[in-house]
Amino acid sequence: NNRVHSEQQVNRISKSINEFGFNQPIVIDENNTILVGHGRLLAAKELKLKEVPVLVISGLSESKKRAYRILDNKLQNDSTWD
């Protein structure tokens, strides 16, 4: 995981899942390694969920997986509020 998720952030994600549902899947590779969605997984554990939506992406090189993780996290930082 490229980011650190504080307890406060995980709690906010948990509240969002309770309010709106689990609408963003956790993305894993063919080896069941999480590429994106670490915070959602922590929130799911906090909520004691038995199942969560998962999307499997296969065929990425290790460098592509790393790039995808970084890009997924960074893209959110590049936007502004309207």
C-alpha atoms as a PDB file:
ATOM      1  CA  ASN A   1       0.000   0.000   0.000  1.00  0.00           C
ATOM      2  CA  ASN A   2       1.308   3.413  -0.945  1.00  0.00           C
ATOM      3  CA  ARG A   3      -0.758   5.345   1.563  1.00  0.00           C
ATOM      4  CA  VAL A   4      -1.246   5.190   5.294  1.00  0.00           C
ATOM      5  CA  HIS A   5      -4.869   5.069   6.426  1.00  0.00           C
ATOM      6  CA  SER A   6      -5.550   6.692   9.762  1.00  0.00           C
ATOM      7  CA  GLU A   7      -8.150   5.312  12.131  1.00  0.00           C
ATOM      8  CA  GLN A   8     -10.229   8.436  11.468  1.00  0.00           C
ATOM      9  CA  GLN A   9     -10.129   7.881   7.708  1.00  0.00           C
ATOM     10  CA  VAL A  10     -11.058   4.201   8.031  1.00  0.00           C
ATOM     11  CA  ASN A  11     -13.954   5.227  10.269  1.00  0.00           C
ATOM     12  CA  ARG A  12     -15.128   7.705   7.626  1.00  0.00           C
ATOM     13  CA  ILE A  13     -14.933   5.020   4.934  1.00  0.00           C
ATOM     14  CA  SER A  14     -16.936   2.682   7.202  1.00  0.00           C
ATOM     15  CA  LYS A  15     -19.623   5.319   7.667  1.00  0.00           C
ATOM     16  CA  SER A  16     -19.744   5.884   3.915  1.00  0.00           C
ATOM     17  CA  ILE A  17     -20.160   2.155   3.259  1.00  0.00           C
ATOM     18  CA  ASN A  18     -22.963   2.010   5.839  1.00  0.00           C
ATOM     19  CA  GLU A  19     -24.703   5.008   4.292  1.00  0.00           C
ATOM     20  CA  PHE A  20     -24.259   4.332   0.575  1.00  0.00           C
ATOM     21  CA  GLY A  21     -23.177   0.693   0.284  1.00  0.00           C
ATOM     22  CA  PHE A  22     -19.918  -0.851  -0.892  1.00  0.00           C
ATOM     23  CA  ASN A  23     -19.881   0.682  -4.365  1.00  0.00           C
ATOM     24  CA  GLN A  24     -16.180   0.663  -5.217  1.00  0.00           C
ATOM     25  CA  PRO A  25     -14.613  -2.766  -5.504  1.00  0.00           C
ATOM     26  CA  ILE A  26     -11.265  -3.704  -4.086  1.00  0.00           C
ATOM     27  CA  VAL A  27      -8.943  -4.360  -7.034  1.00  0.00           C
ATOM     28  CA  ILE A  28      -6.652  -7.374  -6.759  1.00  0.00           C
ATOM     29  CA  ASP A  29      -4.205  -9.125  -9.051  1.00  0.00           C
ATOM     30  CA  GLU A  30      -4.197 -12.779 -10.064  1.00  0.00           C
ATOM     31  CA  ASN A  31      -2.290 -13.610  -6.857  1.00  0.00           C
ATOM     32  CA  ASN A  32      -4.982 -12.029  -4.636  1.00  0.00           C
ATOM     33  CA  THR A  33      -2.682  -9.098  -3.836  1.00  0.00           C
ATOM     34  CA  ILE A  34      -4.555  -5.844  -3.342  1.00  0.00           C
ATOM     35  CA  LEU A  35      -3.686  -3.227  -5.923  1.00  0.00           C
ATOM     36  CA  VAL A  36      -6.165  -0.572  -4.767  1.00  0.00           C
ATOM     37  CA  GLY A  37      -8.733  -0.506  -1.999  1.00  0.00           C
ATOM     38  CA  HIS A  38      -6.645  -0.996   1.129  1.00  0.00           C
ATOM     39  CA  GLY A  39      -8.724   1.558   3.045  1.00  0.00           C
ATOM     40  CA  ARG A  40     -11.960  -0.090   1.931  1.00  0.00           C
ATOM     41  CA  LEU A  41     -10.633  -3.448   3.138  1.00  0.00           C
ATOM     42  CA  LEU A  42      -9.782  -1.978   6.546  1.00  0.00           C
ATOM     43  CA  ALA A  43     -13.282  -0.467   6.729  1.00  0.00           C
ATOM     44  CA  ALA A  44     -14.849  -3.800   5.724  1.00  0.00           C
ATOM     45  CA  LYS A  45     -12.945  -5.504   8.525  1.00  0.00           C
ATOM     46  CA  GLU A  46     -14.094  -2.821  10.965  1.00  0.00           C
ATOM     47  CA  LEU A  47     -17.681  -3.458   9.844  1.00  0.00           C
ATOM     48  CA  LYS A  48     -17.114  -7.235  10.089  1.00  0.00           C
ATOM     49  CA  LEU A  49     -18.303  -7.721   6.499  1.00  0.00           C
ATOM     50  CA  LYS A  50     -17.971 -11.289   5.267  1.00  0.00           C
ATOM     51  CA  GLU A  51     -17.968 -10.382   1.546  1.00  0.00           C
ATOM     52  CA  VAL A  52     -16.997  -7.322  -0.460  1.00  0.00           C
ATOM     53  CA  PRO A  53     -16.961  -6.604  -4.194  1.00  0.00           C
ATOM     54  CA  VAL A  54     -13.638  -7.454  -5.810  1.00  0.00           C
ATOM     55  CA  LEU A  55     -12.323  -6.861  -9.316  1.00  0.00           C
ATOM     56  CA  VAL A  56      -9.463  -9.074 -10.521  1.00  0.00           C
ATOM     57  CA  ILE A  57      -6.938  -7.618 -12.945  1.00  0.00           C
ATOM     58  CA  SER A  58      -4.422 -10.039 -14.402  1.00  0.00           C
ATOM     59  CA  GLY A  59      -1.448  -9.790 -16.693  1.00  0.00           C
ATOM     60  CA  LEU A  60       0.142  -6.621 -15.298  1.00  0.00           C
ATOM     61  CA  SER A  61       3.887  -6.554 -14.743  1.00  0.00           C
ATOM     62  CA  GLU A  62       5.150  -5.614 -11.281  1.00  0.00           C
ATOM     63  CA  SER A  63       6.086  -2.149 -12.558  1.00  0.00           C
ATOM     64  CA  LYS A  64       2.587  -1.661 -14.038  1.00  0.00           C
ATOM     65  CA  LYS A  65       1.015  -2.751 -10.734  1.00  0.00           C
ATOM     66  CA  ARG A  66       3.129  -0.222  -8.852  1.00  0.00           C
ATOM     67  CA  ALA A  67       2.282   2.498 -11.366  1.00  0.00           C
ATOM     68  CA  TYR A  68      -1.431   1.699 -11.082  1.00  0.00           C
ATOM     69  CA  ARG A  69      -1.303   1.925  -7.271  1.00  0.00           C
ATOM     70  CA  ILE A  70       0.446   5.274  -7.371  1.00  0.00           C
ATOM     71  CA  LEU A  71      -1.787   6.658 -10.124  1.00  0.00           C
ATOM     72  CA  ASP A  72      -4.980   5.578  -8.352  1.00  0.00           C
ATOM     73  CA  ASN A  73      -3.910   7.417  -5.207  1.00  0.00           C
ATOM     74  CA  LYS A  74      -2.430  10.451  -6.933  1.00  0.00           C
ATOM     75  CA  LEU A  75      -5.333  11.173  -9.277  1.00  0.00           C
ATOM     76  CA  GLN A  76      -7.531  12.093  -6.319  1.00  0.00           C
ATOM     77  CA  ASN A  77      -4.992  14.682  -5.205  1.00  0.00           C
ATOM     78  CA  ASP A  78      -4.951  16.398  -8.608  1.00  0.00           C
ATOM     79  CA  SER A  79      -8.612  17.410  -8.646  1.00  0.00           C
ATOM     80  CA  THR A  80     -10.250  20.479  -7.145  1.00  0.00           C
ATOM     81  CA  TRP A  81     -13.727  21.130  -5.783  1.00  0.00           C
ATOM     82  CA  ASP A  82     -16.327  22.875  -7.928  1.00  0.00           C
END
